[in-house]
Amino acid sequence: MNQKNSGLALLICMLYAISDEVHQLFIPGRSGEIRDVLIDTVGAFVGIFIYRMKHRLGNKRRTF
């Protein structure tokens, strides 16, 4: 996964988090929170970062 694909994956996750929070505005007893969008986006970022680091380390091990 290159940097462009990572950015696209993060953007998709952020848009999904936004759409989920907007959807919750229409559900009785629920509320849409910007904080939840930020939490979801940070979680996606951390997941993408871990994936890229594992992939990068795996490629370095194969070259030796």
Foldseek 3Di string as FASTA:
>chain_A
DDPVVLVVQLVVQLVVLQVVQVVQCPPPPGHRDPVSSVVSSVVSNVVSVVVVVVVVVVVVVVVD
